[in-house]
Amino acid sequence: MSSSLIKKNLLIVIILFVSSSIYAEFFILECSKVNDWTDKRDIVYSLQIGTGSKQVIQVFKTRQLKMQLKETTSHYEIGQYTDATEKDLIPLLKVNKATLMVDYSNKTKKSETIFCRKT
């Protein structure tokens, strides 16, 4: 086997490994007030969650909001840190990891349920 062929194969393996690890650190949640995913118009917002970067982009129909992510054992807590130490997060959203339901939102009423699903 020639050295150039070995280098090409090694480069392909490295690219596949790096791209798969990057993909694993990023996922999207679509969130809706109805638990029926047949109509895209029911989607209130989507959350682009970067677990590696600890960044979240909340995408609405007309705008985007960039926030920080704090992962606990039960929730994705999304909000803003109070300072650069990143110890105290002011949560704007809390998404339950098991049910993918928004347990807390500073913008919705307590009686409103928001369902999310991974896409």
Protein backbone atom coordinates (compact mmCIF):
# COMPACT_ATOMS: atom_id res chain seq x y z
CA MET A 1 0.00 0.00 0.00
CA SER A 2 1.41 3.38 -0.92
CA SER A 3 1.94 6.09 1.67
CA SER A 4 -0.40 8.52 -0.14
CA LEU A 5 -3.23 5.96 -0.01
CA ILE A 6 -2.62 5.42 3.71
CA LYS A 7 -2.69 9.19 4.31
CA LYS A 8 -5.96 9.53 2.38
CA ASN A 9 -7.58 6.70 4.33
CA LEU A 10 -6.36 8.16 7.62
CA LEU A 11 -7.69 11.59 6.68
CA ILE A 12 -11.12 10.12 5.86
CA VAL A 13 -11.24 8.30 9.20
CA ILE A 14 -10.30 11.49 11.08
CA ILE A 15 -12.92 13.55 9.25
CA LEU A 16 -15.63 10.97 9.96
CA PHE A 17 -14.67 10.79 13.62
CA VAL A 18 -14.61 14.57 14.10
CA SER A 19 -17.87 15.15 12.20
CA SER A 20 -19.70 12.46 14.18
CA SER A 21 -18.54 13.92 17.50
CA ILE A 22 -19.62 17.41 16.43
CA TYR A 23 -23.03 16.09 15.39
CA ALA A 24 -23.46 14.34 18.74
CA GLU A 25 -23.06 17.65 20.57
CA PHE A 26 -25.87 19.43 18.72
CA PHE A 27 -29.58 18.69 18.37
CA ILE A 28 -32.82 20.51 17.62
CA LEU A 29 -36.07 20.48 19.58
CA GLU A 30 -39.29 21.68 17.95
CA CYS A 31 -41.80 22.93 20.51
CA SER A 32 -45.56 23.25 20.13
CA LYS A 33 -48.64 23.90 22.24
CA VAL A 34 -50.33 20.85 20.69
CA ASN A 35 -48.93 17.33 20.81
CA ASP A 36 -49.80 16.75 17.14
CA TRP A 37 -46.85 17.05 14.79
CA THR A 38 -48.73 16.89 11.47
CA ASP A 39 -48.92 20.65 10.90
CA LYS A 40 -45.70 22.70 11.03
CA ARG A 41 -47.77 25.85 11.67
CA ASP A 42 -48.42 24.65 15.23
CA ILE A 43 -44.71 24.91 16.12
CA VAL A 44 -44.20 27.87 18.46
CA TYR A 45 -40.38 27.82 18.36
CA SER A 46 -37.42 25.53 17.93
CA LEU A 47 -34.39 25.17 20.17
CA GLN A 48 -30.97 24.56 18.63
CA ILE A 49 -29.08 23.07 21.56
CA GLY A 50 -25.31 22.75 21.58
CA THR A 51 -24.40 20.53 24.50
CA GLY A 52 -20.68 20.90 23.80
CA SER A 53 -20.70 24.68 23.43
CA LYS A 54 -23.38 25.17 26.13
CA GLN A 55 -25.20 27.56 23.78
CA VAL A 56 -28.87 27.54 22.71
CA ILE A 57 -30.56 29.46 19.94
CA GLN A 58 -34.31 29.81 20.31
CA VAL A 59 -35.76 30.33 16.84
CA PHE A 60 -39.17 31.95 16.48
CA LYS A 61 -40.96 32.60 13.20
CA THR A 62 -39.51 36.11 12.88
CA ARG A 63 -36.50 36.30 15.21
CA GLN A 64 -33.84 34.42 17.16
CA LEU A 65 -32.63 34.58 20.74
CA LYS A 66 -29.21 33.29 21.84
CA MET A 67 -28.94 31.92 25.38
CA GLN A 68 -26.75 29.69 27.55
CA LEU A 69 -27.37 26.07 28.52
CA LYS A 70 -27.02 24.41 31.90
CA GLU A 71 -27.63 20.66 31.94
CA THR A 72 -28.87 18.98 35.08
CA THR A 73 -29.73 15.32 35.49
CA SER A 74 -33.39 15.99 34.75
CA HIS A 75 -33.56 19.22 32.71
CA TYR A 76 -32.08 21.40 30.04
CA GLU A 77 -32.07 24.80 31.75
CA ILE A 78 -31.90 27.61 29.22
CA GLY A 79 -31.27 31.23 30.12
CA GLN A 80 -28.60 33.78 30.91
CA TYR A 81 -25.76 33.61 33.42
CA THR A 82 -25.48 36.48 35.87
CA ASP A 83 -21.73 36.95 35.26
CA ALA A 84 -18.65 35.48 33.59
CA THR A 85 -18.17 32.83 36.28
CA GLU A 86 -21.19 30.99 34.85
CA LYS A 87 -22.33 29.74 38.24
CA ASP A 88 -25.76 31.35 38.58
CA LEU A 89 -28.13 30.90 35.64
CA ILE A 90 -31.35 32.88 35.36
CA PRO A 91 -33.55 30.28 33.65
CA LEU A 92 -36.01 31.36 30.98
CA LEU A 93 -36.94 27.80 30.00
CA LYS A 94 -36.63 24.39 31.62
CA VAL A 95 -37.16 21.39 29.35
CA ASN A 96 -37.62 18.02 31.03
CA LYS A 97 -35.14 15.55 29.49
CA ALA A 98 -37.38 12.51 29.98
CA THR A 99 -40.71 13.90 28.74
CA LEU A 100 -39.38 16.70 26.50
CA MET A 101 -42.04 19.00 27.95
CA VAL A 102 -41.35 22.57 29.01
CA ASP A 103 -41.74 22.49 32.79
CA TYR A 104 -41.01 26.20 33.19
CA SER A 105 -41.14 29.20 30.90
CA ASN A 106 -41.06 32.82 31.95
CA LYS A 107 -43.28 33.76 28.97
CA THR A 108 -46.15 31.25 29.21
CA LYS A 109 -48.92 30.77 31.72
CA LYS A 110 -48.62 27.87 34.13
CA SER A 111 -51.74 26.28 32.65
CA GLU A 112 -50.22 26.18 29.13
CA THR A 113 -48.35 23.02 28.20
CA ILE A 114 -45.57 23.09 25.63
CA PHE A 115 -44.49 19.81 24.05
CA CYS A 116 -41.13 19.33 22.35
CA ARG A 117 -39.69 16.67 20.10
CA LYS A 118 -36.22 15.98 18.76
CA THR A 119 -35.81 16.39 15.04
